[in-house]
């Protein structure tokens, strides 16, 4: 299945730090050029779901890339972050952590695209992409950078749970796609920490996170529910996922 990009241009990871990055690269090297085993109904369901997952990974790459550029520009002009002066060492630490996230998302994109390449064509792929792109674009409609990264941290928390659900789907734990989702889950858990820390560094408070959690959860699951039958067929219960996240926010 040929899927056009939702956001940005195709790139390669800039760095490969950590064991999970190496495991993901091994998955790409070993399985990324081999069609995965799905029965016909699973393949059709996956064809509806991959555009959602890919759009999210591509959106994340773009967001982190733009923030890296912004911080590097600020670093060259008085090392300002949210109006506060930071040392060049602290600024570089922040940038390195964001480059690491961008590289992780790039690997996710490459791996998921390799899965999509061997799925059947579906007529509604453009519609699915439009819905996904509308949602991810709406996340950037914020008043400041701290609000944007509050939203990113919350979204990454949701994605961690979604990947865990895919890891334990009807495919079974040993299926290559389940294993891929397990690897992505570990990265996303790390991204939650980095995004949350960055949002706080930019000036976000606990109340900022509380205010955004319901908004992100409701709108994300509105998007996911558009492909509810496909999720259900794969053994991913969206209602249980949403309830789990809402309880987590309480």
C-alpha atoms as a PDB file:
ATOM      1  CA  UNK A   1       0.000   0.000   0.000  1.00  0.00           C
ATOM      2  CA  UNK A   2       1.426   3.326  -1.054  1.00  0.00           C
ATOM      3  CA  UNK A   3       0.897   6.015   1.616  1.00  0.00           C
ATOM      4  CA  UNK A   4       1.909   9.606   0.946  1.00  0.00           C
ATOM      5  CA  UNK A   5       3.506  11.506   3.812  1.00  0.00           C
ATOM      6  CA  UNK A   6       1.306  13.586   6.107  1.00  0.00           C
ATOM      7  CA  UNK A   7       4.124  15.834   7.309  1.00  0.00           C
ATOM      8  CA  UNK A   8       7.704  16.633   6.353  1.00  0.00           C
ATOM      9  CA  UNK A   9      10.157  14.863   4.106  1.00  0.00           C
ATOM     10  CA  UNK A  10      11.553  11.368   4.502  1.00  0.00           C
ATOM     11  CA  UNK A  11      14.791  11.512   6.509  1.00  0.00           C
ATOM     12  CA  UNK A  12      17.254   9.206   8.280  1.00  0.00           C
ATOM     13  CA  UNK A  13      17.868   9.077  12.048  1.00  0.00           C
ATOM     14  CA  UNK A  14      20.609  11.503  13.095  1.00  0.00           C
ATOM     15  CA  UNK A  15      21.748   9.490  16.112  1.00  0.00           C
ATOM     16  CA  UNK A  16      21.351   5.947  17.451  1.00  0.00           C
ATOM     17  CA  UNK A  17      21.736   6.246  21.218  1.00  0.00           C
ATOM     18  CA  UNK A  18      20.650   3.439  23.550  1.00  0.00           C
ATOM     19  CA  UNK A  19      19.878  -0.247  23.356  1.00  0.00           C
ATOM     20  CA  UNK A  20      16.300   0.269  22.186  1.00  0.00           C
ATOM     21  CA  UNK A  21      17.474   2.313  19.198  1.00  0.00           C
ATOM     22  CA  UNK A  22      19.806  -0.545  18.247  1.00  0.00           C
ATOM     23  CA  UNK A  23      17.026  -3.115  18.675  1.00  0.00           C
ATOM     24  CA  UNK A  24      14.713  -1.045  16.494  1.00  0.00           C
ATOM     25  CA  UNK A  25      17.383  -0.692  13.831  1.00  0.00           C
ATOM     26  CA  UNK A  26      17.920  -4.475  13.959  1.00  0.00           C
ATOM     27  CA  UNK A  27      14.145  -4.947  13.456  1.00  0.00           C
ATOM     28  CA  UNK A  28      14.287  -2.658  10.402  1.00  0.00           C
ATOM     29  CA  UNK A  29      17.355  -4.430   8.996  1.00  0.00           C
ATOM     30  CA  UNK A  30      15.984  -7.934   9.528  1.00  0.00           C
ATOM     31  CA  UNK A  31      12.239  -7.506   8.940  1.00  0.00           C
ATOM     32  CA  UNK A  32      11.821  -4.176   7.213  1.00  0.00           C
ATOM     33  CA  UNK A  33      12.233  -5.682   3.749  1.00  0.00           C
ATOM     34  CA  UNK A  34      10.135  -8.793   4.385  1.00  0.00           C
ATOM     35  CA  UNK A  35       6.316  -8.930   4.175  1.00  0.00           C
ATOM     36  CA  UNK A  36       4.891  -9.691   7.621  1.00  0.00           C
ATOM     37  CA  UNK A  37       2.400 -12.490   8.080  1.00  0.00           C
ATOM     38  CA  UNK A  38      -1.201 -11.266   8.308  1.00  0.00           C
ATOM     39  CA  UNK A  39      -4.340 -13.101   7.232  1.00  0.00           C
ATOM     40  CA  UNK A  40      -6.583 -11.259   4.762  1.00  0.00           C
ATOM     41  CA  UNK A  41      -8.866  -9.642   7.348  1.00  0.00           C
ATOM     42  CA  UNK A  42      -5.910  -8.623   9.535  1.00  0.00           C
ATOM     43  CA  UNK A  43      -4.151  -7.099   6.520  1.00  0.00           C
ATOM     44  CA  UNK A  44      -7.240  -5.051   5.674  1.00  0.00           C
ATOM     45  CA  UNK A  45      -7.579  -3.837   9.273  1.00  0.00           C
ATOM     46  CA  UNK A  46      -3.908  -2.917   9.394  1.00  0.00           C
ATOM     47  CA  UNK A  47      -4.297  -1.004   6.132  1.00  0.00           C
ATOM     48  CA  UNK A  48      -6.837   1.231   7.913  1.00  0.00           C
ATOM     49  CA  UNK A  49      -4.662   1.701  10.998  1.00  0.00           C
ATOM     50  CA  UNK A  50      -1.174   2.287   9.583  1.00  0.00           C
ATOM     51  CA  UNK A  51      -2.055   5.720   8.117  1.00  0.00           C
ATOM     52  CA  UNK A  52      -3.050   6.879  11.616  1.00  0.00           C
ATOM     53  CA  UNK A  53       0.187   5.614  13.161  1.00  0.00           C
ATOM     54  CA  UNK A  54       2.391   6.964  10.385  1.00  0.00           C
ATOM     55  CA  UNK A  55       0.807  10.407  10.456  1.00  0.00           C
ATOM     56  CA  UNK A  56       1.540  10.619  14.180  1.00  0.00           C
ATOM     57  CA  UNK A  57       5.192   9.633  13.774  1.00  0.00           C
ATOM     58  CA  UNK A  58       5.691  12.125  10.948  1.00  0.00           C
ATOM     59  CA  UNK A  59       4.010  14.908  12.901  1.00  0.00           C
ATOM     60  CA  UNK A  60       6.281  14.208  15.883  1.00  0.00           C
ATOM     61  CA  UNK A  61       9.404  14.349  13.718  1.00  0.00           C
ATOM     62  CA  UNK A  62       8.359  17.733  12.376  1.00  0.00           C
ATOM     63  CA  UNK A  63       7.526  19.149  15.825  1.00  0.00           C
ATOM     64  CA  UNK A  64      10.825  18.109  17.370  1.00  0.00           C
ATOM     65  CA  UNK A  65      12.819  19.206  14.333  1.00  0.00           C
ATOM     66  CA  UNK A  66      11.253  22.668  14.463  1.00  0.00           C
ATOM     67  CA  UNK A  67      11.933  22.954  18.200  1.00  0.00           C
ATOM     68  CA  UNK A  68      15.564  21.927  17.688  1.00  0.00           C
ATOM     69  CA  UNK A  69      15.961  24.661  15.060  1.00  0.00           C
ATOM     70  CA  UNK A  70      14.284  27.225  17.347  1.00  0.00           C
ATOM     71  CA  UNK A  71      16.511  26.384  20.305  1.00  0.00           C
ATOM     72  CA  UNK A  72      19.657  26.427  18.189  1.00  0.00           C
ATOM     73  CA  UNK A  73      18.697  29.852  16.887  1.00  0.00           C
ATOM     74  CA  UNK A  74      18.056  31.063  20.444  1.00  0.00           C
ATOM     75  CA  UNK A  75      21.318  29.507  21.575  1.00  0.00           C
ATOM     76  CA  UNK A  76      23.156  31.702  19.113  1.00  0.00           C
ATOM     77  CA  UNK A  77      21.282  34.781  20.311  1.00  0.00           C
ATOM     78  CA  UNK A  78      21.757  35.080  24.065  1.00  0.00           C
ATOM     79  CA  UNK A  79      20.786  31.463  24.927  1.00  0.00           C
ATOM     80  CA  UNK A  80      17.170  32.314  25.652  1.00  0.00           C
ATOM     81  CA  UNK A  81      14.488  29.747  26.462  1.00  0.00           C
ATOM     82  CA  UNK A  82      11.048  31.196  27.199  1.00  0.00           C
ATOM     83  CA  UNK A  83      12.668  34.545  27.918  1.00  0.00           C
ATOM     84  CA  UNK A  84      15.139  33.114  30.449  1.00  0.00           C
ATOM     85  CA  UNK A  85      18.879  32.899  29.901  1.00  0.00           C
ATOM     86  CA  UNK A  86      20.355  29.376  29.953  1.00  0.00           C
ATOM     87  CA  UNK A  87      23.932  28.257  29.700  1.00  0.00           C
ATOM     88  CA  UNK A  88      25.225  26.937  26.393  1.00  0.00           C
ATOM     89  CA  UNK A  89      25.843  23.580  28.103  1.00  0.00           C
ATOM     90  CA  UNK A  90      22.232  23.333  29.337  1.00  0.00           C
ATOM     91  CA  UNK A  91      20.940  24.438  25.951  1.00  0.00           C
ATOM     92  CA  UNK A  92      22.999  21.785  24.175  1.00  0.00           C
ATOM     93  CA  UNK A  93      21.756  19.085  26.581  1.00  0.00           C
ATOM     94  CA  UNK A  94      18.169  20.004  25.774  1.00  0.00           C
ATOM     95  CA  UNK A  95      18.881  19.955  22.039  1.00  0.00           C
ATOM     96  CA  UNK A  96      20.633  16.567  22.192  1.00  0.00           C
ATOM     97  CA  UNK A  97      17.663  15.023  24.008  1.00  0.00           C
ATOM     98  CA  UNK A  98      15.271  16.436  21.381  1.00  0.00           C
ATOM     99  CA  UNK A  99      17.480  15.163  18.531  1.00  0.00           C
ATOM    100  CA  UNK A 100      17.338  11.731  20.162  1.00  0.00           C
ATOM    101  CA  UNK A 101      13.524  11.851  20.172  1.00  0.00           C
ATOM    102  CA  UNK A 102      13.440  13.028  16.555  1.00  0.00           C
ATOM    103  CA  UNK A 103      15.710  10.111  15.583  1.00  0.00           C
ATOM    104  CA  UNK A 104      13.499   7.632  17.462  1.00  0.00           C
ATOM    105  CA  UNK A 105      10.414   8.914  15.650  1.00  0.00           C
ATOM    106  CA  UNK A 106      12.248   8.632  12.342  1.00  0.00           C
ATOM    107  CA  UNK A 107      13.010   4.954  13.027  1.00  0.00           C
ATOM    108  CA  UNK A 108       9.371   4.361  13.957  1.00  0.00           C
ATOM    109  CA  UNK A 109       8.328   5.996  10.686  1.00  0.00           C
ATOM    110  CA  UNK A 110      10.693   3.834   8.625  1.00  0.00           C
ATOM    111  CA  UNK A 111       9.621   0.622  10.372  1.00  0.00           C
ATOM    112  CA  UNK A 112       5.881   1.319  10.126  1.00  0.00           C
ATOM    113  CA  UNK A 113       6.220   2.389   6.500  1.00  0.00           C
ATOM    114  CA  UNK A 114       7.875  -0.961   5.722  1.00  0.00           C
ATOM    115  CA  UNK A 115       4.802  -2.689   7.184  1.00  0.00           C
ATOM    116  CA  UNK A 116       2.444  -0.452   5.192  1.00  0.00           C
ATOM    117  CA  UNK A 117       4.310  -1.140   1.943  1.00  0.00           C
ATOM    118  CA  UNK A 118       3.095  -4.739   2.006  1.00  0.00           C
ATOM    119  CA  UNK A 119      -0.533  -4.101   2.927  1.00  0.00           C
ATOM    120  CA  UNK A 120      -3.418  -4.050   0.434  1.00  0.00           C
ATOM    121  CA  UNK A 121      -4.604  -0.795  -1.098  1.00  0.00           C
ATOM    122  CA  UNK A 122      -7.803   0.598   0.445  1.00  0.00           C
ATOM    123  CA  UNK A 123     -10.032   3.259  -1.078  1.00  0.00           C
ATOM    124  CA  UNK A 124     -10.369   5.245   2.142  1.00  0.00           C
ATOM    125  CA  UNK A 125      -6.654   5.779   2.856  1.00  0.00           C
ATOM    126  CA  UNK A 126      -6.809   9.457   1.832  1.00  0.00           C
ATOM    127  CA  UNK A 127      -9.806  10.045   4.107  1.00  0.00           C
ATOM    128  CA  UNK A 128      -8.038   8.387   7.050  1.00  0.00           C
ATOM    129  CA  UNK A 129      -4.992  10.552   6.426  1.00  0.00           C
ATOM    130  CA  UNK A 130      -7.052  13.739   6.245  1.00  0.00           C
ATOM    131  CA  UNK A 131      -8.659  12.993   9.604  1.00  0.00           C
ATOM    132  CA  UNK A 132      -5.271  12.239  11.170  1.00  0.00           C
ATOM    133  CA  UNK A 133      -3.621  15.304   9.676  1.00  0.00           C
ATOM    134  CA  UNK A 134      -6.460  17.526  10.925  1.00  0.00           C
ATOM    135  CA  UNK A 135      -6.006  16.208  14.459  1.00  0.00           C
ATOM    136  CA  UNK A 136      -2.216  16.584  14.550  1.00  0.00           C
ATOM    137  CA  UNK A 137      -2.387  20.035  12.996  1.00  0.00           C
ATOM    138  CA  UNK A 138      -4.860  21.100  15.700  1.00  0.00           C
ATOM    139  CA  UNK A 139      -2.270  20.242  18.373  1.00  0.00           C
ATOM    140  CA  UNK A 140      -0.036  23.040  17.130  1.00  0.00           C
ATOM    141  CA  UNK A 141      -2.752  25.688  17.515  1.00  0.00           C
ATOM    142  CA  UNK A 142      -1.440  26.966  20.831  1.00  0.00           C
ATOM    143  CA  UNK A 143      -0.507  30.276  22.445  1.00  0.00           C
ATOM    144  CA  UNK A 144       3.063  29.337  23.351  1.00  0.00           C
ATOM    145  CA  UNK A 145       5.724  26.628  23.135  1.00  0.00           C
ATOM    146  CA  UNK A 146       5.140  25.333  26.641  1.00  0.00           C
ATOM    147  CA  UNK A 147       1.490  24.561  25.836  1.00  0.00           C
ATOM    148  CA  UNK A 148       2.554  22.706  22.706  1.00  0.00           C
ATOM    149  CA  UNK A 149       4.936  20.453  24.625  1.00  0.00           C
ATOM    150  CA  UNK A 150       2.388  19.868  27.363  1.00  0.00           C
ATOM    151  CA  UNK A 151       0.149  18.497  24.617  1.00  0.00           C
ATOM    152  CA  UNK A 152       2.996  16.437  23.149  1.00  0.00           C
ATOM    153  CA  UNK A 153       3.784  14.866  26.539  1.00  0.00           C
ATOM    154  CA  UNK A 154       0.121  13.944  27.054  1.00  0.00           C
ATOM    155  CA  UNK A 155      -0.162  12.563  23.532  1.00  0.00           C
ATOM    156  CA  UNK A 156       2.979  10.457  23.998  1.00  0.00           C
ATOM    157  CA  UNK A 157       1.451   9.010  27.170  1.00  0.00           C
ATOM    158  CA  UNK A 158      -1.577   7.973  25.092  1.00  0.00           C
ATOM    159  CA  UNK A 159       0.624   6.505  22.356  1.00  0.00           C
ATOM    160  CA  UNK A 160       2.521   4.450  24.956  1.00  0.00           C
ATOM    161  CA  UNK A 161      -0.760   2.825  25.998  1.00  0.00           C
ATOM    162  CA  UNK A 162      -1.876   2.297  22.395  1.00  0.00           C
ATOM    163  CA  UNK A 163       1.404   0.582  21.520  1.00  0.00           C
ATOM    164  CA  UNK A 164       1.091  -1.635  24.573  1.00  0.00           C
ATOM    165  CA  UNK A 165      -2.393  -2.638  23.423  1.00  0.00           C
ATOM    166  CA  UNK A 166      -1.040  -3.512  19.964  1.00  0.00           C
ATOM    167  CA  UNK A 167       1.790  -5.462  21.585  1.00  0.00           C
ATOM    168  CA  UNK A 168      -0.841  -7.625  23.320  1.00  0.00           C
ATOM    169  CA  UNK A 169      -3.278  -7.773  20.371  1.00  0.00           C
ATOM    170  CA  UNK A 170      -4.742 -10.843  18.665  1.00  0.00           C
ATOM    171  CA  UNK A 171      -1.497 -11.189  16.700  1.00  0.00           C
ATOM    172  CA  UNK A 172       0.269 -12.552  19.782  1.00  0.00           C
ATOM    173  CA  UNK A 173       3.411 -11.378  21.542  1.00  0.00           C
ATOM    174  CA  UNK A 174       5.747 -13.166  19.142  1.00  0.00           C
ATOM    175  CA  UNK A 175       4.407 -11.597  15.948  1.00  0.00           C
ATOM    176  CA  UNK A 176       6.978  -9.188  14.421  1.00  0.00           C
ATOM    177  CA  UNK A 177       4.455  -6.318  14.433  1.00  0.00           C
ATOM    178  CA  UNK A 178       3.704  -6.890  18.124  1.00  0.00           C
ATOM    179  CA  UNK A 179       7.440  -6.834  18.809  1.00  0.00           C
ATOM    180  CA  UNK A 180       7.782  -3.595  16.835  1.00  0.00           C
ATOM    181  CA  UNK A 181       4.992  -2.005  18.881  1.00  0.00           C
ATOM    182  CA  UNK A 182       6.760  -3.111  22.063  1.00  0.00           C
ATOM    183  CA  UNK A 183       9.923  -1.336  20.945  1.00  0.00           C
ATOM    184  CA  UNK A 184       7.990   1.811  19.987  1.00  0.00           C
ATOM    185  CA  UNK A 185       6.236   1.714  23.376  1.00  0.00           C
ATOM    186  CA  UNK A 186       9.587   1.864  25.187  1.00  0.00           C
ATOM    187  CA  UNK A 187      10.677   4.858  23.130  1.00  0.00           C
ATOM    188  CA  UNK A 188       7.400   6.683  23.681  1.00  0.00           C
ATOM    189  CA  UNK A 189       7.658   6.221  27.447  1.00  0.00           C
ATOM    190  CA  UNK A 190      11.045   7.953  27.264  1.00  0.00           C
ATOM    191  CA  UNK A 191       9.554  10.684  25.067  1.00  0.00           C
ATOM    192  CA  UNK A 192       6.902  11.395  27.708  1.00  0.00           C
ATOM    193  CA  UNK A 193       9.654  12.203  30.189  1.00  0.00           C
ATOM    194  CA  UNK A 194      11.622  14.373  27.746  1.00  0.00           C
ATOM    195  CA  UNK A 195       8.575  16.287  26.494  1.00  0.00           C
ATOM    196  CA  UNK A 196       7.224  16.800  30.004  1.00  0.00           C
ATOM    197  CA  UNK A 197      10.595  17.993  31.278  1.00  0.00           C
ATOM    198  CA  UNK A 198      10.974  20.355  28.323  1.00  0.00           C
ATOM    199  CA  UNK A 199       7.457  21.767  28.833  1.00  0.00           C
ATOM    200  CA  UNK A 200       8.267  22.441  32.506  1.00  0.00           C
ATOM    201  CA  UNK A 201      11.578  24.056  31.544  1.00  0.00           C
ATOM    202  CA  UNK A 202       9.582  26.316  29.240  1.00  0.00           C
ATOM    203  CA  UNK A 203       7.346  27.338  32.140  1.00  0.00           C
ATOM    204  CA  UNK A 204       4.490  24.797  32.213  1.00  0.00           C
ATOM    205  CA  UNK A 205       2.820  24.017  35.541  1.00  0.00           C
ATOM    206  CA  UNK A 206       0.950  20.991  36.866  1.00  0.00           C
ATOM    207  CA  UNK A 207      -2.352  22.772  36.192  1.00  0.00           C
ATOM    208  CA  UNK A 208      -1.358  23.216  32.531  1.00  0.00           C
ATOM    209  CA  UNK A 209      -1.139  19.440  32.164  1.00  0.00           C
ATOM    210  CA  UNK A 210      -4.461  18.942  33.949  1.00  0.00           C
ATOM    211  CA  UNK A 211      -6.177  21.450  31.657  1.00  0.00           C
ATOM    212  CA  UNK A 212      -4.976  19.732  28.475  1.00  0.00           C
ATOM    213  CA  UNK A 213      -5.442  16.073  29.389  1.00  0.00           C
ATOM    214  CA  UNK A 214      -9.178  15.837  28.716  1.00  0.00           C
ATOM    215  CA  UNK A 215      -8.870  17.832  25.477  1.00  0.00           C
ATOM    216  CA  UNK A 216      -6.136  15.601  24.052  1.00  0.00           C
ATOM    217  CA  UNK A 217      -7.711  12.314  25.171  1.00  0.00           C
ATOM    218  CA  UNK A 218     -11.170  13.123  23.822  1.00  0.00           C
ATOM    219  CA  UNK A 219      -9.956  14.402  20.451  1.00  0.00           C
ATOM    220  CA  UNK A 220      -7.444  11.580  19.990  1.00  0.00           C
ATOM    221  CA  UNK A 221     -10.031   8.889  20.665  1.00  0.00           C
ATOM    222  CA  UNK A 222     -12.492  10.666  18.386  1.00  0.00           C
ATOM    223  CA  UNK A 223      -9.891  10.171  15.648  1.00  0.00           C
ATOM    224  CA  UNK A 224      -9.144   6.560  16.595  1.00  0.00           C
ATOM    225  CA  UNK A 225     -12.856   5.704  16.763  1.00  0.00           C
ATOM    226  CA  UNK A 226     -13.157   6.586  13.068  1.00  0.00           C
ATOM    227  CA  UNK A 227     -11.354   3.260  12.539  1.00  0.00           C
ATOM    228  CA  UNK A 228     -12.972   1.513  15.490  1.00  0.00           C
ATOM    229  CA  UNK A 229     -13.838  -1.687  13.609  1.00  0.00           C
ATOM    230  CA  UNK A 230     -10.224  -2.161  12.542  1.00  0.00           C
ATOM    231  CA  UNK A 231      -8.978  -1.692  16.108  1.00  0.00           C
ATOM    232  CA  UNK A 232     -11.596  -4.123  17.413  1.00  0.00           C
ATOM    233  CA  UNK A 233     -10.675  -6.742  14.812  1.00  0.00           C
ATOM    234  CA  UNK A 234      -7.025  -6.535  15.899  1.00  0.00           C
ATOM    235  CA  UNK A 235      -8.015  -6.972  19.537  1.00  0.00           C
ATOM    236  CA  UNK A 236      -7.483  -3.383  20.668  1.00  0.00           C
ATOM    237  CA  UNK A 237     -10.386  -2.086  22.794  1.00  0.00           C
ATOM    238  CA  UNK A 238     -10.525   1.699  22.471  1.00  0.00           C
ATOM    239  CA  UNK A 239     -13.085   2.093  25.272  1.00  0.00           C
ATOM    240  CA  UNK A 240     -10.813   0.287  27.735  1.00  0.00           C
ATOM    241  CA  UNK A 241      -7.821   2.326  26.596  1.00  0.00           C
ATOM    242  CA  UNK A 242      -9.646   5.619  27.009  1.00  0.00           C
ATOM    243  CA  UNK A 243     -10.955   4.650  30.433  1.00  0.00           C
ATOM    244  CA  UNK A 244      -7.458   3.599  31.510  1.00  0.00           C
ATOM    245  CA  UNK A 245      -6.021   6.954  30.464  1.00  0.00           C
ATOM    246  CA  UNK A 246      -8.805   8.968  32.067  1.00  0.00           C
ATOM    247  CA  UNK A 247      -8.225   7.101  35.339  1.00  0.00           C
ATOM    248  CA  UNK A 248      -4.521   7.863  35.019  1.00  0.00           C
ATOM    249  CA  UNK A 249      -5.245  11.583  34.799  1.00  0.00           C
ATOM    250  CA  UNK A 250      -7.368  11.570  37.982  1.00  0.00           C
END
